[in-house]
Amino acid sequence: MPTITYDAITEGDALPAYERMPTRLKILQFIGAGWLWGPQFVDPEAAKNMGLPAPIIPGAVKQAYFMQYMDHWLGKGGWTLRRVQVSHRRPDVQDVLMTLSGAVTKKYEKDGAKLVDVELEIHNPAGDRTTRGSATVEFD
């Protein structure tokens, strides 16, 4: 059973905040596994030459964080993540805490499926929204 059931969800519900610390080591492991060796991810001087404050976090990592966030919120089993969309607004840098948040925007049934749409966000420590996203979850 999921931690949160379909019947327990209401439109407008806020998801609990979820913090992630994308350390340099974790990012290097991710880009190594995915062959994402862009200099903006690994080289501080190259990142600065590109106008970035430091090596940044790949977008695929932030998408993975959104997927983990849904798992953290809902618990194991009883649901399937049907869709995740991500829109990157500004870069996040390595070794800086990120806070994920979200809210239920729609709860509905379609073709016999119990669905929930969620809006997702990532904020940096200054409170700037760096990433927006959305997801659709189907409950068993």
C-alpha atoms as a PDB file:
ATOM      1  CA  MET A   1       0.000   0.000   0.000  1.00  0.00           C
ATOM      2  CA  PRO A   2       1.197   3.505  -0.645  1.00  0.00           C
ATOM      3  CA  THR A   3       1.786   5.796   2.297  1.00  0.00           C
ATOM      4  CA  ILE A   4      -0.721   8.206   0.756  1.00  0.00           C
ATOM      5  CA  THR A   5      -3.832   6.743  -0.835  1.00  0.00           C
ATOM      6  CA  TYR A   6      -5.914   8.232  -3.630  1.00  0.00           C
ATOM      7  CA  ASP A   7      -8.829   8.765  -1.254  1.00  0.00           C
ATOM      8  CA  ALA A   8      -6.623  10.723   1.165  1.00  0.00           C
ATOM      9  CA  ILE A   9      -5.571  13.262  -1.478  1.00  0.00           C
ATOM     10  CA  THR A  10      -7.393  16.558  -2.018  1.00  0.00           C
ATOM     11  CA  GLU A  11      -6.806  19.160  -4.714  1.00  0.00           C
ATOM     12  CA  GLY A  12      -4.681  21.926  -3.246  1.00  0.00           C
ATOM     13  CA  ASP A  13      -2.821  19.637  -0.824  1.00  0.00           C
ATOM     14  CA  ALA A  14       0.762  20.762  -0.310  1.00  0.00           C
ATOM     15  CA  LEU A  15       3.439  18.099  -0.466  1.00  0.00           C
ATOM     16  CA  PRO A  16       5.987  18.135   2.367  1.00  0.00           C
ATOM     17  CA  ALA A  17       9.288  19.841   1.604  1.00  0.00           C
ATOM     18  CA  TYR A  18      12.078  17.462   0.640  1.00  0.00           C
ATOM     19  CA  GLU A  19      15.739  18.484   0.727  1.00  0.00           C
ATOM     20  CA  ARG A  20      18.516  17.174  -1.493  1.00  0.00           C
ATOM     21  CA  MET A  21      22.229  17.911  -1.315  1.00  0.00           C
ATOM     22  CA  PRO A  22      23.731  17.356  -4.764  1.00  0.00           C
ATOM     23  CA  THR A  23      27.348  16.882  -3.760  1.00  0.00           C
ATOM     24  CA  ARG A  24      30.123  17.040  -6.295  1.00  0.00           C
ATOM     25  CA  LEU A  25      30.804  13.327  -5.804  1.00  0.00           C
ATOM     26  CA  LYS A  26      27.156  12.382  -6.449  1.00  0.00           C
ATOM     27  CA  ILE A  27      27.059  14.531  -9.568  1.00  0.00           C
ATOM     28  CA  LEU A  28      30.332  13.057 -10.857  1.00  0.00           C
ATOM     29  CA  GLN A  29      28.953   9.547 -10.312  1.00  0.00           C
ATOM     30  CA  PHE A  30      25.769  10.453 -12.204  1.00  0.00           C
ATOM     31  CA  ILE A  31      27.496  12.078 -15.161  1.00  0.00           C
ATOM     32  CA  GLY A  32      30.015   9.245 -15.313  1.00  0.00           C
ATOM     33  CA  ALA A  33      27.254   6.664 -15.538  1.00  0.00           C
ATOM     34  CA  GLY A  34      25.419   8.684 -18.177  1.00  0.00           C
ATOM     35  CA  TRP A  35      28.446   9.966 -20.126  1.00  0.00           C
ATOM     36  CA  LEU A  36      27.406  13.597 -19.600  1.00  0.00           C
ATOM     37  CA  TRP A  37      30.934  14.956 -19.464  1.00  0.00           C
ATOM     38  CA  GLY A  38      30.191  18.585 -20.333  1.00  0.00           C
ATOM     39  CA  PRO A  39      32.730  21.004 -18.835  1.00  0.00           C
ATOM     40  CA  GLN A  40      29.932  22.946 -17.118  1.00  0.00           C
ATOM     41  CA  PHE A  41      29.395  19.905 -14.864  1.00  0.00           C
ATOM     42  CA  VAL A  42      33.015  19.104 -13.948  1.00  0.00           C
ATOM     43  CA  ASP A  43      35.339  22.067 -14.414  1.00  0.00           C
ATOM     44  CA  PRO A  44      34.951  25.112 -12.122  1.00  0.00           C
ATOM     45  CA  GLU A  45      36.972  27.389 -14.423  1.00  0.00           C
ATOM     46  CA  ALA A  46      35.070  26.312 -17.541  1.00  0.00           C
ATOM     47  CA  ALA A  47      31.782  26.859 -15.727  1.00  0.00           C
ATOM     48  CA  LYS A  48      32.868  30.385 -14.755  1.00  0.00           C
ATOM     49  CA  ASN A  49      33.944  31.079 -18.360  1.00  0.00           C
ATOM     50  CA  MET A  50      30.383  30.133 -19.360  1.00  0.00           C
ATOM     51  CA  GLY A  51      28.974  32.703 -16.941  1.00  0.00           C
ATOM     52  CA  LEU A  52      28.063  30.164 -14.276  1.00  0.00           C
ATOM     53  CA  PRO A  53      28.994  30.581 -10.615  1.00  0.00           C
ATOM     54  CA  ALA A  54      30.315  27.015 -10.301  1.00  0.00           C
ATOM     55  CA  PRO A  55      29.820  23.564 -11.870  1.00  0.00           C
ATOM     56  CA  ILE A  56      26.093  23.002 -12.306  1.00  0.00           C
ATOM     57  CA  ILE A  57      23.748  20.089 -11.845  1.00  0.00           C
ATOM     58  CA  PRO A  58      22.602  18.329 -15.028  1.00  0.00           C
ATOM     59  CA  GLY A  59      18.908  18.652 -15.802  1.00  0.00           C
ATOM     60  CA  ALA A  60      18.548  14.880 -15.765  1.00  0.00           C
ATOM     61  CA  VAL A  61      19.582  14.884 -12.095  1.00  0.00           C
ATOM     62  CA  LYS A  62      16.827  17.349 -11.234  1.00  0.00           C
ATOM     63  CA  GLN A  63      14.314  15.220 -13.116  1.00  0.00           C
ATOM     64  CA  ALA A  64      15.493  12.196 -11.133  1.00  0.00           C
ATOM     65  CA  TYR A  65      15.082  14.224  -7.933  1.00  0.00           C
ATOM     66  CA  PHE A  66      11.461  14.949  -8.895  1.00  0.00           C
ATOM     67  CA  MET A  67      10.862  11.236  -9.433  1.00  0.00           C
ATOM     68  CA  GLN A  68      12.440  10.411  -6.064  1.00  0.00           C
ATOM     69  CA  TYR A  69      10.334  13.143  -4.471  1.00  0.00           C
ATOM     70  CA  MET A  70       7.138  11.482  -5.682  1.00  0.00           C
ATOM     71  CA  ASP A  71       8.362   8.172  -4.270  1.00  0.00           C
ATOM     72  CA  HIS A  72       9.221   9.864  -0.972  1.00  0.00           C
ATOM     73  CA  TRP A  73       5.760  11.472  -0.778  1.00  0.00           C
ATOM     74  CA  LEU A  74       3.654   8.473  -1.815  1.00  0.00           C
ATOM     75  CA  GLY A  75       5.631   5.554  -0.411  1.00  0.00           C
ATOM     76  CA  LYS A  76       6.170   2.196  -2.056  1.00  0.00           C
ATOM     77  CA  GLY A  77       3.628   0.448  -4.237  1.00  0.00           C
ATOM     78  CA  GLY A  78       0.020   1.113  -5.128  1.00  0.00           C
ATOM     79  CA  TRP A  79       0.757   3.791  -7.708  1.00  0.00           C
ATOM     80  CA  THR A  80       2.581   4.391 -10.987  1.00  0.00           C
ATOM     81  CA  LEU A  81       4.258   7.571 -12.157  1.00  0.00           C
ATOM     82  CA  ARG A  82       2.716   8.190 -15.585  1.00  0.00           C
ATOM     83  CA  ARG A  83       4.340  11.486 -16.560  1.00  0.00           C
ATOM     84  CA  VAL A  84       7.047  13.872 -15.376  1.00  0.00           C
ATOM     85  CA  GLN A  85       7.819  17.164 -17.101  1.00  0.00           C
ATOM     86  CA  VAL A  86      10.631  19.511 -16.131  1.00  0.00           C
ATOM     87  CA  SER A  87      11.359  23.138 -17.044  1.00  0.00           C
ATOM     88  CA  HIS A  88      14.763  24.473 -16.019  1.00  0.00           C
ATOM     89  CA  ARG A  89      14.608  28.194 -15.124  1.00  0.00           C
ATOM     90  CA  ARG A  90      18.079  28.821 -13.705  1.00  0.00           C
ATOM     91  CA  PRO A  91      21.049  26.608 -12.891  1.00  0.00           C
ATOM     92  CA  ASP A  92      21.595  24.919  -9.559  1.00  0.00           C
ATOM     93  CA  VAL A  93      25.175  24.420  -8.477  1.00  0.00           C
ATOM     94  CA  GLN A  94      26.845  21.489  -6.795  1.00  0.00           C
ATOM     95  CA  ASP A  95      27.218  21.301  -3.009  1.00  0.00           C
ATOM     96  CA  VAL A  96      24.304  23.686  -2.411  1.00  0.00           C
ATOM     97  CA  LEU A  97      21.147  22.443  -0.699  1.00  0.00           C
ATOM     98  CA  MET A  98      18.022  22.219  -2.869  1.00  0.00           C
ATOM     99  CA  THR A  99      14.463  22.145  -1.529  1.00  0.00           C
ATOM    100  CA  LEU A 100      11.764  20.367  -3.485  1.00  0.00           C
ATOM    101  CA  SER A 101       8.117  21.205  -2.941  1.00  0.00           C
ATOM    102  CA  GLY A 102       4.842  20.583  -4.657  1.00  0.00           C
ATOM    103  CA  ALA A 103       1.079  20.746  -4.588  1.00  0.00           C
ATOM    104  CA  VAL A 104      -1.794  18.651  -5.886  1.00  0.00           C
ATOM    105  CA  THR A 105      -3.397  20.543  -8.769  1.00  0.00           C
ATOM    106  CA  LYS A 106      -5.979  18.018  -9.944  1.00  0.00           C
ATOM    107  CA  LYS A 107      -7.557  14.769  -8.777  1.00  0.00           C
ATOM    108  CA  TYR A 108      -9.733  12.951 -11.286  1.00  0.00           C
ATOM    109  CA  GLU A 109     -10.778   9.706 -12.910  1.00  0.00           C
ATOM    110  CA  LYS A 110     -10.318   9.048 -16.598  1.00  0.00           C
ATOM    111  CA  ASP A 111     -11.196   5.826 -18.414  1.00  0.00           C
ATOM    112  CA  GLY A 112     -11.438   4.059 -15.056  1.00  0.00           C
ATOM    113  CA  ALA A 113      -8.003   5.257 -13.891  1.00  0.00           C
ATOM    114  CA  LYS A 114      -7.586   7.214 -10.644  1.00  0.00           C
ATOM    115  CA  LEU A 115      -5.201  10.065 -11.467  1.00  0.00           C
ATOM    116  CA  VAL A 116      -3.542  12.900  -9.577  1.00  0.00           C
ATOM    117  CA  ASP A 117      -1.655  15.808 -11.154  1.00  0.00           C
ATOM    118  CA  VAL A 118       1.040  17.514  -9.112  1.00  0.00           C
ATOM    119  CA  GLU A 119       2.971  20.725  -9.694  1.00  0.00           C
ATOM    120  CA  LEU A 120       6.617  20.511  -8.593  1.00  0.00           C
ATOM    121  CA  GLU A 121       9.326  23.060  -7.798  1.00  0.00           C
ATOM    122  CA  ILE A 122      12.972  23.238  -6.764  1.00  0.00           C
ATOM    123  CA  HIS A 123      14.233  26.238  -4.778  1.00  0.00           C
ATOM    124  CA  ASN A 124      17.766  27.255  -3.869  1.00  0.00           C
ATOM    125  CA  PRO A 125      18.696  28.540  -0.380  1.00  0.00           C
ATOM    126  CA  ALA A 126      17.947  32.141  -1.470  1.00  0.00           C
ATOM    127  CA  GLY A 127      14.358  31.055  -2.146  1.00  0.00           C
ATOM    128  CA  ASP A 128      14.665  31.370  -5.932  1.00  0.00           C
ATOM    129  CA  ARG A 129      12.652  28.855  -7.916  1.00  0.00           C
ATOM    130  CA  THR A 130      15.204  27.234 -10.192  1.00  0.00           C
ATOM    131  CA  THR A 131      13.129  24.426 -11.661  1.00  0.00           C
ATOM    132  CA  ARG A 132       9.444  23.857 -12.319  1.00  0.00           C
ATOM    133  CA  GLY A 133       7.819  20.576 -13.125  1.00  0.00           C
ATOM    134  CA  SER A 134       4.675  18.547 -13.114  1.00  0.00           C
ATOM    135  CA  ALA A 135       3.757  14.918 -12.729  1.00  0.00           C
ATOM    136  CA  THR A 136       0.774  12.627 -13.131  1.00  0.00           C
ATOM    137  CA  VAL A 137       0.328   9.656 -10.831  1.00  0.00           C
ATOM    138  CA  GLU A 138      -2.055   6.750 -11.399  1.00  0.00           C
ATOM    139  CA  PHE A 139      -3.261   4.823  -8.361  1.00  0.00           C
ATOM    140  CA  ASP A 140      -4.015   1.091  -8.450  1.00  0.00           C
END
